[in-house]
Structure formats: structure tokens, C-alpha cells
N, C-alpha and C. Protein backbone atom coordinates (compact mmCIF):
# COMPACT_ATOMS: atom_id res chain seq x y z
N MET A 1 -14.00 -77.06 -188.21
CA MET A 1 -13.91 -77.78 -187.02
C MET A 1 -14.63 -77.76 -185.89
N THR A 2 -15.17 -78.25 -185.11
CA THR A 2 -15.60 -77.76 -183.63
C THR A 2 -14.75 -78.14 -182.73
N GLN A 3 -14.59 -76.95 -181.69
CA GLN A 3 -13.70 -77.67 -180.90
C GLN A 3 -14.18 -77.24 -179.42
N PHE A 4 -14.44 -77.75 -178.26
CA PHE A 4 -14.91 -77.94 -176.94
C PHE A 4 -13.79 -77.78 -176.19
N ILE A 5 -13.96 -76.83 -175.26
CA ILE A 5 -13.32 -76.97 -174.06
C ILE A 5 -13.99 -76.93 -172.73
N GLN A 6 -13.54 -78.16 -171.92
CA GLN A 6 -14.44 -78.39 -171.00
C GLN A 6 -13.46 -77.64 -169.35
N LEU A 7 -14.26 -77.00 -168.82
CA LEU A 7 -13.16 -77.01 -167.78
C LEU A 7 -14.10 -77.66 -166.46
N HIS A 8 -13.17 -78.24 -165.34
CA HIS A 8 -14.25 -78.45 -163.95
C HIS A 8 -12.91 -77.71 -163.05
N ALA A 9 -13.80 -77.36 -161.94
CA ALA A 9 -12.91 -76.72 -160.91
C ALA A 9 -13.60 -77.04 -159.52
N LEU A 10 -13.04 -77.16 -158.99
CA LEU A 10 -13.32 -76.96 -156.93
C LEU A 10 -13.15 -75.45 -156.64
N VAL A 11 -14.26 -74.90 -156.50
CA VAL A 11 -14.41 -73.70 -155.73
C VAL A 11 -14.87 -73.39 -154.38
N SER A 12 -14.15 -73.09 -153.44
CA SER A 12 -14.52 -73.18 -152.18
C SER A 12 -15.03 -71.37 -151.51
N TYR A 13 -16.38 -71.75 -151.13
CA TYR A 13 -16.55 -70.63 -150.52
C TYR A 13 -17.03 -70.42 -148.69
N PRO A 14 -17.01 -69.36 -148.57
CA PRO A 14 -17.07 -69.17 -146.95
C PRO A 14 -18.82 -69.68 -147.17
N PRO A 15 -19.02 -69.72 -145.52
CA PRO A 15 -20.15 -70.73 -144.93
C PRO A 15 -21.36 -68.93 -145.43
N SER A 16 -22.08 -69.24 -146.30
CA SER A 16 -23.17 -68.34 -146.87
C SER A 16 -24.10 -68.85 -147.69
N ASN A 17 -24.97 -67.73 -148.12
CA ASN A 17 -26.77 -68.26 -148.63
C ASN A 17 -25.67 -67.68 -149.74
N LEU A 18 -25.07 -68.44 -150.92
CA LEU A 18 -25.10 -68.08 -152.15
C LEU A 18 -25.98 -67.68 -153.16
N ASN A 19 -26.95 -68.75 -152.81
CA ASN A 19 -28.07 -68.69 -154.01
C ASN A 19 -29.46 -68.78 -153.13
N ARG A 20 -31.16 -68.45 -153.46
CA ARG A 20 -31.74 -68.53 -152.81
C ARG A 20 -32.59 -68.39 -153.72
N ASP A 21 -34.04 -69.16 -152.95
CA ASP A 21 -34.90 -69.59 -153.81
C ASP A 21 -36.43 -68.29 -153.39
N ASP A 22 -37.20 -68.53 -154.09
CA ASP A 22 -38.08 -67.25 -154.06
C ASP A 22 -38.37 -66.93 -152.66
N LEU A 23 -38.00 -68.07 -151.57
CA LEU A 23 -38.56 -67.82 -149.78
C LEU A 23 -37.16 -67.48 -149.00
N GLY A 24 -36.58 -67.05 -149.97
CA GLY A 24 -34.98 -67.00 -149.37
C GLY A 24 -34.22 -67.85 -148.66
N ARG A 25 -34.58 -69.02 -148.70
CA ARG A 25 -34.10 -70.41 -148.33
C ARG A 25 -32.96 -70.53 -149.29
N PRO A 26 -31.43 -71.53 -149.23
CA PRO A 26 -30.44 -71.49 -150.01
C PRO A 26 -31.03 -72.93 -151.02
N LYS A 27 -30.98 -73.15 -152.40
CA LYS A 27 -31.36 -73.94 -153.29
C LYS A 27 -30.52 -74.87 -153.05
N THR A 28 -31.04 -75.86 -152.82
CA THR A 28 -30.81 -77.54 -152.88
C THR A 28 -30.97 -78.37 -154.09
N ALA A 29 -30.35 -79.31 -154.37
CA ALA A 29 -30.43 -80.65 -154.89
C ALA A 29 -30.47 -81.88 -154.61
N ILE A 30 -30.72 -82.86 -154.97
CA ILE A 30 -30.36 -84.11 -154.18
C ILE A 30 -29.84 -84.87 -155.70
N MET A 31 -28.42 -85.36 -154.77
CA MET A 31 -27.38 -85.98 -155.83
C MET A 31 -26.89 -86.94 -154.72
N GLY A 32 -26.76 -88.09 -155.28
CA GLY A 32 -26.00 -89.20 -154.69
C GLY A 32 -26.72 -89.62 -153.00
N GLY A 33 -28.50 -89.53 -153.39
CA GLY A 33 -28.91 -89.64 -152.27
C GLY A 33 -28.76 -88.84 -151.19
N ALA A 34 -27.95 -87.61 -151.37
CA ALA A 34 -28.34 -86.80 -150.27
C ALA A 34 -28.69 -85.23 -150.50
N ASN A 35 -29.27 -84.21 -149.61
CA ASN A 35 -29.50 -83.43 -150.15
C ASN A 35 -28.11 -82.09 -149.83
N ARG A 36 -27.97 -81.35 -151.12
CA ARG A 36 -26.87 -80.56 -151.28
C ARG A 36 -27.21 -79.07 -151.85
N LEU A 37 -26.52 -77.91 -151.09
CA LEU A 37 -26.50 -76.92 -151.87
C LEU A 37 -26.22 -76.84 -153.05
N ARG A 38 -26.85 -75.70 -153.84
CA ARG A 38 -26.35 -75.77 -155.32
C ARG A 38 -26.58 -74.10 -155.55
N ILE A 39 -25.56 -73.96 -156.65
CA ILE A 39 -25.72 -72.43 -157.35
C ILE A 39 -26.07 -72.66 -158.47
N SER A 40 -27.46 -71.62 -159.12
CA SER A 40 -28.07 -71.85 -160.49
C SER A 40 -26.82 -71.41 -161.42
N SER A 41 -27.04 -71.53 -162.66
CA SER A 41 -26.34 -71.10 -163.88
C SER A 41 -26.56 -69.72 -163.71
N GLN A 42 -28.03 -69.05 -164.00
CA GLN A 42 -28.23 -67.62 -163.82
C GLN A 42 -27.80 -66.53 -162.60
N SER A 43 -27.12 -67.60 -161.53
CA SER A 43 -26.77 -67.09 -160.46
C SER A 43 -25.42 -66.78 -160.89
N LEU A 44 -24.64 -67.85 -161.26
CA LEU A 44 -22.89 -68.08 -161.79
C LEU A 44 -23.15 -66.66 -163.23
N LYS A 45 -23.96 -67.06 -164.06
CA LYS A 45 -23.68 -65.80 -165.14
C LYS A 45 -23.76 -64.37 -164.91
N ARG A 46 -24.48 -63.99 -164.01
CA ARG A 46 -24.75 -62.59 -163.49
C ARG A 46 -23.74 -62.40 -162.78
N ALA A 47 -23.23 -63.18 -162.10
CA ALA A 47 -22.00 -62.95 -161.34
C ALA A 47 -20.24 -62.33 -162.08
N TRP A 48 -20.86 -63.50 -163.06
CA TRP A 48 -19.67 -62.97 -164.43
C TRP A 48 -20.22 -62.00 -165.08
N ARG A 49 -21.20 -61.58 -165.21
CA ARG A 49 -21.49 -60.60 -166.31
C ARG A 49 -20.95 -59.04 -165.51
N THR A 50 -21.41 -59.16 -164.40
CA THR A 50 -21.06 -57.84 -163.62
C THR A 50 -19.72 -57.77 -162.79
N SER A 51 -18.76 -58.92 -163.35
CA SER A 51 -17.39 -58.60 -163.09
C SER A 51 -16.64 -57.58 -163.16
N GLU A 52 -15.74 -57.27 -163.02
CA GLU A 52 -14.62 -55.94 -163.14
C GLU A 52 -13.80 -56.92 -164.41
N LEU A 53 -13.57 -57.66 -164.37
CA LEU A 53 -12.41 -58.75 -165.50
C LEU A 53 -13.30 -58.59 -166.55
N PHE A 54 -14.63 -59.28 -166.51
CA PHE A 54 -15.57 -59.03 -167.79
C PHE A 54 -15.69 -58.24 -168.34
N GLU A 55 -15.75 -57.02 -167.47
CA GLU A 55 -16.04 -55.79 -168.40
C GLU A 55 -14.82 -55.06 -169.07
N SER A 56 -13.64 -55.42 -168.44
CA SER A 56 -12.48 -54.83 -168.55
C SER A 56 -12.13 -55.36 -169.76
N ALA A 57 -12.31 -57.11 -169.91
CA ALA A 57 -12.14 -57.85 -171.14
C ALA A 57 -12.96 -57.05 -172.45
N LEU A 58 -14.62 -57.14 -171.98
CA LEU A 58 -15.24 -57.22 -173.37
C LEU A 58 -15.33 -55.71 -173.91
N GLY A 59 -15.14 -54.60 -172.82
CA GLY A 59 -15.71 -53.08 -173.21
C GLY A 59 -16.59 -52.65 -173.90
N GLU A 60 -16.36 -52.10 -175.20
CA GLU A 60 -17.51 -51.92 -175.65
C GLU A 60 -18.55 -53.37 -176.56
N HIS A 61 -17.63 -54.41 -176.28
CA HIS A 61 -18.71 -55.27 -177.01
C HIS A 61 -19.68 -56.34 -176.25
N LYS A 62 -19.93 -55.73 -174.93
CA LYS A 62 -20.80 -55.88 -173.65
C LYS A 62 -22.24 -55.22 -174.23
N GLY A 63 -23.17 -55.92 -174.09
CA GLY A 63 -24.59 -56.10 -174.25
C GLY A 63 -25.19 -55.15 -172.73
N ILE A 64 -26.09 -54.67 -172.57
CA ILE A 64 -26.86 -53.94 -171.60
C ILE A 64 -28.13 -54.86 -171.55
N ARG A 65 -28.43 -55.29 -170.39
CA ARG A 65 -29.72 -55.84 -169.56
C ARG A 65 -30.68 -54.81 -168.85
N THR A 66 -31.86 -55.04 -169.91
CA THR A 66 -32.65 -53.61 -169.30
C THR A 66 -34.28 -53.83 -169.66
N LYS A 67 -35.19 -53.37 -168.70
CA LYS A 67 -36.42 -53.77 -168.52
C LYS A 67 -37.17 -52.23 -169.05
N ARG A 68 -36.13 -51.23 -169.08
CA ARG A 68 -36.43 -49.63 -169.50
C ARG A 68 -36.38 -49.31 -171.10
N ILE A 69 -35.97 -50.28 -171.99
CA ILE A 69 -35.89 -49.40 -173.18
C ILE A 69 -36.63 -48.76 -173.47
N GLY A 70 -38.14 -49.35 -173.58
CA GLY A 70 -39.17 -48.20 -174.28
C GLY A 70 -39.14 -46.67 -173.58
N ILE A 71 -38.94 -46.87 -172.40
CA ILE A 71 -38.52 -45.25 -171.12
C ILE A 71 -37.58 -44.68 -171.99
N GLU A 72 -36.33 -45.35 -172.29
CA GLU A 72 -35.11 -44.74 -172.24
C GLU A 72 -35.38 -44.13 -173.88
N ILE A 73 -36.47 -45.14 -175.30
CA ILE A 73 -36.80 -44.29 -176.47
C ILE A 73 -37.33 -43.48 -176.04
N LYS A 74 -38.69 -43.26 -175.48
CA LYS A 74 -39.77 -42.42 -175.45
C LYS A 74 -38.92 -41.17 -174.89
N ASN A 75 -37.73 -41.07 -173.94
CA ASN A 75 -37.36 -39.98 -173.34
C ASN A 75 -36.51 -39.27 -174.95
N ALA A 76 -35.85 -40.37 -175.69
CA ALA A 76 -35.08 -39.88 -176.41
C ALA A 76 -35.90 -38.83 -177.58
N LEU A 77 -36.83 -39.96 -178.08
CA LEU A 77 -37.82 -38.73 -178.90
C LEU A 77 -38.26 -37.31 -178.52
N ILE A 78 -38.88 -37.57 -177.15
CA ILE A 78 -39.18 -36.32 -176.48
C ILE A 78 -38.18 -35.38 -176.61
N ALA A 79 -36.55 -35.72 -176.70
CA ALA A 79 -35.60 -34.96 -176.35
C ALA A 79 -34.97 -34.20 -177.82
N GLN A 80 -35.63 -34.81 -178.77
CA GLN A 80 -35.46 -34.48 -179.93
C GLN A 80 -36.72 -33.74 -180.88
N GLY A 81 -37.61 -33.32 -180.27
CA GLY A 81 -38.92 -32.76 -180.65
C GLY A 81 -40.25 -33.60 -180.57
N VAL A 82 -40.09 -34.71 -180.16
CA VAL A 82 -41.79 -35.44 -181.03
C VAL A 82 -42.29 -35.45 -179.50
N GLU A 83 -43.55 -35.25 -179.99
CA GLU A 83 -44.73 -34.74 -179.13
C GLU A 83 -44.99 -36.12 -178.08
N GLU A 84 -45.21 -35.94 -176.56
CA GLU A 84 -45.10 -37.23 -175.95
C GLU A 84 -46.30 -38.10 -176.29
N LYS A 85 -47.45 -37.88 -176.66
CA LYS A 85 -48.33 -38.70 -177.30
C LYS A 85 -47.82 -39.81 -178.13
N ASN A 86 -47.05 -38.93 -179.06
CA ASN A 86 -46.41 -39.76 -180.38
C ASN A 86 -45.25 -40.77 -180.10
N ALA A 87 -44.42 -39.74 -178.98
CA ALA A 87 -43.26 -40.62 -178.44
C ALA A 87 -43.57 -41.86 -177.54
N PHE A 88 -45.05 -41.63 -176.45
CA PHE A 88 -45.43 -42.94 -176.12
C PHE A 88 -45.68 -44.00 -176.82
N GLU A 89 -46.53 -43.61 -178.31
CA GLU A 89 -47.14 -44.93 -178.92
C GLU A 89 -45.58 -45.56 -179.96
N TRP A 90 -44.74 -44.34 -180.42
CA TRP A 90 -43.67 -45.20 -181.33
C TRP A 90 -42.79 -45.78 -180.08
N ALA A 91 -42.46 -45.37 -179.21
CA ALA A 91 -41.44 -46.26 -178.22
C ALA A 91 -42.46 -47.69 -177.84
N ALA A 92 -43.51 -47.49 -177.59
CA ALA A 92 -44.20 -48.95 -177.30
C ALA A 92 -44.06 -49.85 -178.52
N LEU A 93 -44.27 -49.23 -179.84
CA LEU A 93 -43.55 -50.18 -181.09
C LEU A 93 -42.60 -50.69 -181.02
N MET A 94 -41.63 -49.85 -180.93
CA MET A 94 -40.39 -50.61 -180.64
C MET A 94 -39.83 -51.30 -179.44
N ALA A 95 -40.15 -50.98 -178.49
CA ALA A 95 -39.54 -51.72 -177.43
C ALA A 95 -40.42 -52.74 -177.36
N ALA A 96 -41.61 -53.03 -178.35
CA ALA A 96 -42.38 -54.44 -178.57
C ALA A 96 -41.38 -55.67 -179.32
N CYS A 97 -40.05 -54.84 -179.71
CA CYS A 97 -39.17 -55.80 -180.36
C CYS A 97 -38.63 -56.68 -179.31
N PHE A 98 -38.39 -56.08 -178.51
CA PHE A 98 -37.77 -56.62 -177.33
C PHE A 98 -38.87 -57.61 -175.82
N GLY A 99 -40.09 -57.37 -176.15
CA GLY A 99 -40.71 -58.10 -175.31
C GLY A 99 -42.33 -57.22 -174.76
N LYS A 100 -43.08 -58.31 -174.43
CA LYS A 100 -44.07 -57.43 -173.84
C LYS A 100 -44.34 -56.10 -173.06
N VAL A 101 -45.00 -54.91 -173.95
CA VAL A 101 -44.87 -53.86 -173.36
C VAL A 101 -46.15 -53.95 -172.16
N LYS A 102 -45.36 -53.05 -171.33
CA LYS A 102 -46.70 -52.50 -170.05
C LYS A 102 -47.28 -50.95 -170.57
N THR A 103 -48.51 -50.83 -170.64
CA THR A 103 -48.98 -49.55 -171.20
C THR A 103 -49.16 -49.00 -169.73
N LYS A 104 -49.52 -49.48 -168.74
CA LYS A 104 -49.96 -48.64 -167.58
C LYS A 104 -48.91 -48.83 -166.43
N LYS A 105 -49.33 -48.35 -165.22
CA LYS A 105 -47.92 -48.75 -164.12
C LYS A 105 -49.33 -49.73 -163.68
N ASP A 106 -48.09 -50.99 -162.95
CA ASP A 106 -49.24 -51.97 -163.00
C ASP A 106 -48.70 -52.02 -161.06
N LYS A 107 -49.54 -52.59 -160.28
CA LYS A 107 -49.33 -52.81 -158.97
C LYS A 107 -47.76 -53.06 -158.42
N GLU A 108 -47.20 -53.76 -158.80
CA GLU A 108 -45.78 -54.30 -158.54
C GLU A 108 -44.86 -52.66 -158.78
N GLY A 109 -45.11 -51.87 -158.96
CA GLY A 109 -44.45 -50.75 -159.48
C GLY A 109 -43.80 -50.62 -160.82
N GLY A 110 -44.06 -51.41 -161.73
CA GLY A 110 -43.46 -51.19 -163.27
C GLY A 110 -44.22 -50.09 -163.95
N GLU A 111 -43.23 -49.28 -164.28
CA GLU A 111 -43.79 -47.94 -165.13
C GLU A 111 -44.53 -48.56 -166.77
N PRO A 112 -45.14 -47.56 -166.81
CA PRO A 112 -45.67 -47.77 -168.73
C PRO A 112 -44.20 -47.86 -168.78
N LEU A 113 -44.21 -48.49 -170.37
CA LEU A 113 -43.12 -48.49 -171.70
C LEU A 113 -42.34 -49.58 -171.16
N GLU A 114 -42.03 -49.95 -170.03
CA GLU A 114 -41.04 -50.93 -169.28
C GLU A 114 -41.80 -52.17 -170.46
N ILE A 115 -41.10 -53.44 -170.33
CA ILE A 115 -41.09 -54.32 -170.88
C ILE A 115 -41.37 -55.51 -169.73
N GLU A 116 -41.92 -56.48 -169.50
CA GLU A 116 -42.09 -57.61 -168.46
C GLU A 116 -40.95 -58.36 -168.16
N GLN A 117 -40.01 -58.81 -169.05
CA GLN A 117 -39.26 -59.00 -168.47
C GLN A 117 -37.60 -58.39 -168.98
N LEU A 118 -35.99 -58.78 -168.56
CA LEU A 118 -35.15 -58.43 -168.68
C LEU A 118 -34.69 -58.57 -170.40
N ALA A 119 -34.42 -57.32 -171.08
CA ALA A 119 -34.03 -57.67 -172.54
C ALA A 119 -32.74 -57.54 -172.61
N HIS A 120 -31.63 -58.68 -173.23
CA HIS A 120 -30.14 -58.33 -173.86
C HIS A 120 -30.19 -57.46 -174.68
N ILE A 121 -29.80 -56.17 -174.67
CA ILE A 121 -29.43 -54.94 -176.30
C ILE A 121 -28.28 -54.90 -176.24
N ALA A 122 -28.00 -55.73 -177.31
CA ALA A 122 -26.59 -55.52 -178.03
C ALA A 122 -25.74 -54.18 -178.38
N PRO A 123 -24.92 -53.68 -178.34
CA PRO A 123 -24.33 -52.29 -178.61
C PRO A 123 -24.89 -52.24 -180.11
N GLU A 124 -24.74 -52.89 -181.07
CA GLU A 124 -25.46 -52.69 -182.53
C GLU A 124 -27.17 -52.69 -182.75
N GLU A 125 -27.36 -53.00 -181.63
CA GLU A 125 -29.15 -53.24 -181.74
C GLU A 125 -29.34 -51.59 -181.10
N GLN A 126 -28.61 -51.57 -180.14
CA GLN A 126 -28.39 -50.00 -179.63
C GLN A 126 -28.22 -49.00 -180.68
N ARG A 127 -27.59 -49.15 -181.28
CA ARG A 127 -26.74 -47.67 -182.44
C ARG A 127 -28.05 -48.36 -183.21
N LEU A 128 -28.73 -49.17 -183.59
CA LEU A 128 -29.96 -49.04 -184.70
C LEU A 128 -31.31 -48.33 -183.99
N ILE A 129 -31.42 -48.53 -182.74
CA ILE A 129 -32.59 -47.92 -181.95
C ILE A 129 -32.05 -46.30 -182.04
N ASP A 130 -30.94 -46.07 -181.60
CA ASP A 130 -30.94 -44.72 -181.70
C ASP A 130 -31.08 -44.16 -182.98
N ALA A 131 -30.33 -44.77 -184.17
CA ALA A 131 -30.44 -44.25 -185.59
C ALA A 131 -31.94 -44.23 -186.07
N LEU A 132 -32.95 -44.91 -185.43
CA LEU A 132 -34.22 -45.13 -185.62
C LEU A 132 -35.01 -43.75 -185.55
N VAL A 133 -34.64 -43.55 -184.17
CA VAL A 133 -35.21 -42.34 -183.09
C VAL A 133 -34.89 -40.98 -183.95
N THR A 134 -33.90 -40.64 -184.11
CA THR A 134 -33.35 -39.96 -185.12
C THR A 134 -34.60 -39.66 -186.28
N LYS A 135 -34.13 -40.72 -186.81
CA LYS A 135 -34.91 -40.74 -188.35
C LYS A 135 -36.57 -39.94 -188.15
N LEU A 136 -36.92 -40.91 -187.06
CA LEU A 136 -38.46 -40.57 -187.00
C LEU A 136 -38.78 -39.30 -186.40
N ALA A 137 -37.66 -38.97 -185.60
CA ALA A 137 -37.84 -37.49 -184.89
C ALA A 137 -37.51 -36.79 -186.01
N THR A 138 -37.07 -36.97 -186.90
CA THR A 138 -36.59 -35.88 -188.19
C THR A 138 -37.78 -35.48 -189.40
N GLU A 139 -38.31 -37.00 -189.43
CA GLU A 139 -39.40 -37.54 -190.18
C GLU A 139 -41.03 -37.05 -189.81
N LYS A 140 -40.53 -37.22 -188.47
CA LYS A 140 -42.13 -36.84 -188.02
C LYS A 140 -43.02 -38.03 -187.97
N ARG A 141 -42.88 -39.13 -188.23
CA ARG A 141 -43.55 -40.39 -188.71
C ARG A 141 -43.30 -41.79 -187.85
N ALA A 142 -44.38 -42.42 -187.58
CA ALA A 142 -44.25 -43.77 -186.26
C ALA A 142 -43.35 -44.77 -187.23
N PRO A 143 -42.56 -45.46 -186.65
CA PRO A 143 -41.81 -46.81 -187.49
C PRO A 143 -42.67 -47.29 -187.93
N GLU A 144 -42.03 -47.68 -189.28
CA GLU A 144 -42.72 -48.85 -190.20
C GLU A 144 -42.28 -50.81 -189.69
N GLU A 145 -42.98 -51.18 -189.99
CA GLU A 145 -42.96 -52.94 -189.60
C GLU A 145 -41.31 -52.87 -190.41
N ALA A 146 -41.25 -52.63 -191.63
CA ALA A 146 -39.11 -53.09 -192.12
C ALA A 146 -38.71 -52.35 -191.22
N GLU A 147 -38.85 -51.21 -190.53
CA GLU A 147 -37.76 -51.04 -189.56
C GLU A 147 -37.65 -51.51 -188.07
N LEU A 148 -38.83 -51.64 -187.53
CA LEU A 148 -38.85 -52.84 -186.54
C LEU A 148 -38.44 -54.07 -186.66
N THR A 149 -38.15 -54.88 -187.70
CA THR A 149 -37.76 -56.13 -187.81
C THR A 149 -36.17 -56.07 -187.84
N LEU A 150 -35.68 -54.64 -188.67
CA LEU A 150 -34.31 -54.67 -188.35
C LEU A 150 -33.53 -54.28 -187.10
N LEU A 151 -34.88 -53.71 -186.02
CA LEU A 151 -34.27 -54.14 -184.65
C LEU A 151 -33.61 -55.40 -183.89
N ARG A 152 -33.97 -56.37 -184.81
CA ARG A 152 -33.65 -57.78 -183.80
C ARG A 152 -33.26 -58.74 -184.93
N GLN A 153 -32.12 -58.16 -185.27
CA GLN A 153 -30.72 -59.24 -186.05
C GLN A 153 -29.94 -59.65 -185.03
N LYS A 154 -29.49 -60.48 -185.43
CA LYS A 154 -28.40 -61.65 -184.96
C LYS A 154 -27.09 -60.46 -184.45
N PRO A 155 -27.25 -60.19 -183.07
CA PRO A 155 -26.34 -59.74 -182.24
C PRO A 155 -24.97 -60.48 -182.71
N LYS A 156 -24.05 -59.16 -182.32
CA LYS A 156 -22.55 -59.47 -182.10
C LYS A 156 -21.72 -59.29 -180.34
N ALA A 157 -22.76 -59.14 -179.74
CA ALA A 157 -22.25 -59.02 -178.44
C ALA A 157 -21.68 -60.15 -177.92
N VAL A 158 -20.13 -60.17 -177.49
CA VAL A 158 -19.83 -61.04 -176.43
C VAL A 158 -20.47 -61.94 -175.72
N ASP A 159 -21.34 -61.12 -174.68
CA ASP A 159 -21.77 -62.06 -173.49
C ASP A 159 -23.17 -62.59 -174.17
N ILE A 160 -23.73 -61.95 -174.98
CA ILE A 160 -25.16 -62.43 -176.17
C ILE A 160 -24.58 -64.24 -176.13
N ALA A 161 -23.19 -64.12 -176.90
CA ALA A 161 -22.96 -65.11 -177.64
C ALA A 161 -22.65 -66.38 -176.86
N LEU A 162 -21.72 -65.52 -175.43
CA LEU A 162 -21.35 -66.59 -174.69
C LEU A 162 -22.76 -66.99 -173.76
N PHE A 163 -23.59 -66.10 -173.18
CA PHE A 163 -24.73 -67.21 -172.47
C PHE A 163 -26.21 -66.77 -173.07
N GLY A 164 -26.02 -66.87 -174.82
CA GLY A 164 -27.52 -66.89 -175.32
C GLY A 164 -28.21 -65.36 -174.53
N ARG A 165 -29.89 -65.89 -175.24
CA ARG A 165 -30.60 -64.56 -175.15
C ARG A 165 -31.78 -64.88 -175.65
N MET A 166 -33.07 -65.26 -174.39
CA MET A 166 -34.39 -66.26 -174.79
C MET A 166 -35.06 -65.07 -174.32
N LEU A 167 -36.07 -65.02 -175.29
CA LEU A 167 -37.40 -63.96 -174.98
C LEU A 167 -38.65 -64.96 -174.64
N ALA A 168 -39.19 -65.02 -173.53
CA ALA A 168 -40.29 -65.99 -173.07
C ALA A 168 -41.13 -65.10 -173.94
N SER A 169 -42.30 -64.07 -174.15
CA SER A 169 -42.65 -63.63 -174.64
C SER A 169 -42.72 -63.58 -176.23
N SER A 170 -41.87 -64.43 -176.91
CA SER A 170 -41.44 -64.25 -178.23
C SER A 170 -41.64 -65.79 -179.01
N LEU A 171 -42.35 -65.81 -179.95
CA LEU A 171 -42.54 -66.86 -180.59
C LEU A 171 -41.26 -67.89 -181.09
N LYS A 172 -40.56 -67.02 -181.56
CA LYS A 172 -39.18 -67.09 -182.55
C LYS A 172 -38.49 -67.70 -181.29
N PRO A 173 -37.23 -68.83 -181.65
CA PRO A 173 -36.64 -69.61 -180.73
C PRO A 173 -35.85 -68.26 -180.00
N GLY A 174 -34.94 -68.38 -179.04
CA GLY A 174 -33.98 -67.28 -178.73
C GLY A 174 -32.83 -68.00 -179.40
N LEU A 175 -31.18 -66.94 -178.69
CA LEU A 175 -30.19 -67.51 -179.68
C LEU A 175 -29.42 -68.38 -178.58
N GLN A 176 -28.97 -69.41 -179.15
CA GLN A 176 -28.33 -70.68 -178.11
C GLN A 176 -26.98 -69.60 -178.01
N CYS A 177 -26.21 -70.38 -176.84
CA CYS A 177 -25.26 -69.43 -176.25
C CYS A 177 -23.86 -70.77 -176.58
N GLY A 178 -22.94 -70.32 -176.67
CA GLY A 178 -21.91 -70.74 -177.01
C GLY A 178 -20.79 -71.36 -175.56
N SER A 179 -21.67 -71.02 -174.71
CA SER A 179 -20.94 -72.08 -173.23
C SER A 179 -22.02 -72.55 -172.65
N ARG A 180 -21.55 -74.18 -171.65
CA ARG A 180 -22.75 -74.09 -171.00
C ARG A 180 -22.26 -74.35 -169.44
N ARG A 181 -23.54 -74.08 -168.80
CA ARG A 181 -23.21 -73.93 -167.55
C ARG A 181 -24.16 -74.72 -166.85
N PRO A 182 -23.88 -75.69 -166.04
CA PRO A 182 -24.83 -76.29 -165.20
C PRO A 182 -24.77 -75.79 -164.28
N SER A 183 -25.97 -76.43 -163.29
CA SER A 183 -25.84 -75.67 -162.12
C SER A 183 -25.07 -76.42 -161.20
N ARG A 184 -24.11 -75.49 -160.26
CA ARG A 184 -22.98 -76.30 -159.38
C ARG A 184 -23.80 -76.85 -157.91
N THR A 185 -23.16 -77.95 -157.64
CA THR A 185 -23.68 -78.59 -156.22
C THR A 185 -22.17 -78.42 -155.37
N CYS A 186 -22.65 -78.46 -154.23
CA CYS A 186 -21.29 -78.87 -153.26
C CYS A 186 -21.11 -80.12 -152.72
N TYR A 187 -19.70 -80.95 -153.03
CA TYR A 187 -19.87 -82.04 -152.89
C TYR A 187 -20.01 -82.88 -151.22
N HIS A 188 -20.52 -82.10 -150.63
CA HIS A 188 -20.67 -82.39 -148.60
C HIS A 188 -22.17 -82.28 -149.14
N ARG A 189 -22.93 -83.54 -147.76
CA ARG A 189 -24.15 -83.07 -147.56
C ARG A 189 -24.24 -81.84 -146.60
N THR A 190 -25.55 -81.93 -147.09
CA THR A 190 -26.16 -80.96 -146.34
C THR A 190 -27.44 -80.49 -145.56
N CYS A 191 -28.15 -79.86 -144.79
CA CYS A 191 -29.33 -80.05 -144.20
C CYS A 191 -29.52 -78.90 -143.97
N GLY A 192 -31.28 -78.42 -144.38
CA GLY A 192 -31.78 -77.02 -143.82
C GLY A 192 -32.02 -77.00 -142.67
N GLN A 193 -31.38 -75.56 -142.03
CA GLN A 193 -31.72 -75.79 -140.87
C GLN A 193 -33.33 -75.30 -140.57
N SER A 194 -33.66 -75.44 -139.43
CA SER A 194 -34.79 -75.04 -139.08
C SER A 194 -34.87 -74.30 -137.71
N ARG A 195 -35.85 -73.33 -137.59
CA ARG A 195 -35.97 -72.18 -136.79
C ARG A 195 -36.44 -72.28 -135.62
């Protein structure tokens, strides 16, 4: 049996710019023929993910969001005695499982081995990465294709189950989320301020 729980809430915020667009202006939506302020679902999810309540409730069942997974893998390989050239190549192969890897420093300040978008890494995926790093360092070899595909199994992290995971660089479909959060809009009319 499938069970749905639907929550509706009115939340009052003090005057503020809760959610900005790329130009720093408040995000808006037209509803009922009027311009209204809106808060994107991404903004709400981030606020929930970084809250103390969420952290204390989920503990070790919470994933991490990072672009630096390749850098962390390379550093772990070097710490276990792998040559820097091999560590860079092997880390790039492993990081590519989570997104498109930058191979050199870019204009925006991105480091080599960073992936181009934030990836959500579940705790069990991190344990698989750590185990593979140790295995590669011990056997002094590059990862095999079968080992790389094992890194991306269905994660069991609660936050990934709640919010889903999408990788824009992957052709495979992302993980569907167990909760839906549409963008929120205020209930009163608003107009943008001009300077």
C-alpha cells in the first residue's frame, strides 16, 4: 500500500531577500495575475539539509555534497604511497563515476579533479571509494571497469531518498525523491523596487 502525507503550512518571514536570482534580485512568480515573491525548492532543500535538526536526526545516514571528490581520492591515494601521476589518473577515473571531471584549472578557479557539478555521495558510496583506494594502493594498479560501476549503486542515505539525486552529465536517470517540494510563493502582491 502506498501512503501519501501532504503538509500545508503558512510560514511568516521578516522582510528579507530569501531567495535571489543570478542578478541578486528576489525571485518572483506570477500567480492570480499578480507578481509574488517565491522561494525555490532548491533553497528550501538546502536550508533543511544544513539544519541542526536534520543533522542530529540523520547522523551517519546523511550523504555529503561535494565537487572535490576527485581531489580527496587523489590525496588518499598519495597518502597510501601511490605516485602522484598514477594517483591523478586513477582519481580522475573514479571521480568520473560522479560527474564530468576537470583535468586542469579553469578560469573560475576550479581545481583539477573537481567535478563540474555538486555530487551527492552517500555514506556507503564513500565506504566503497575508501575500500577501492586501499585496494588500488595495495595492488599498485588502476581501477577496473567492474570496480568503477560498483561505486554507483543505489544509495541508502536518507537525504538522497528524500530529495533525490540528478547528475546532469550522466545519461542514466537520476534517483527519484520520496518527497515533493514545489516552489513556495507569498500570498500577498509584491512589486520589485527600483533604484
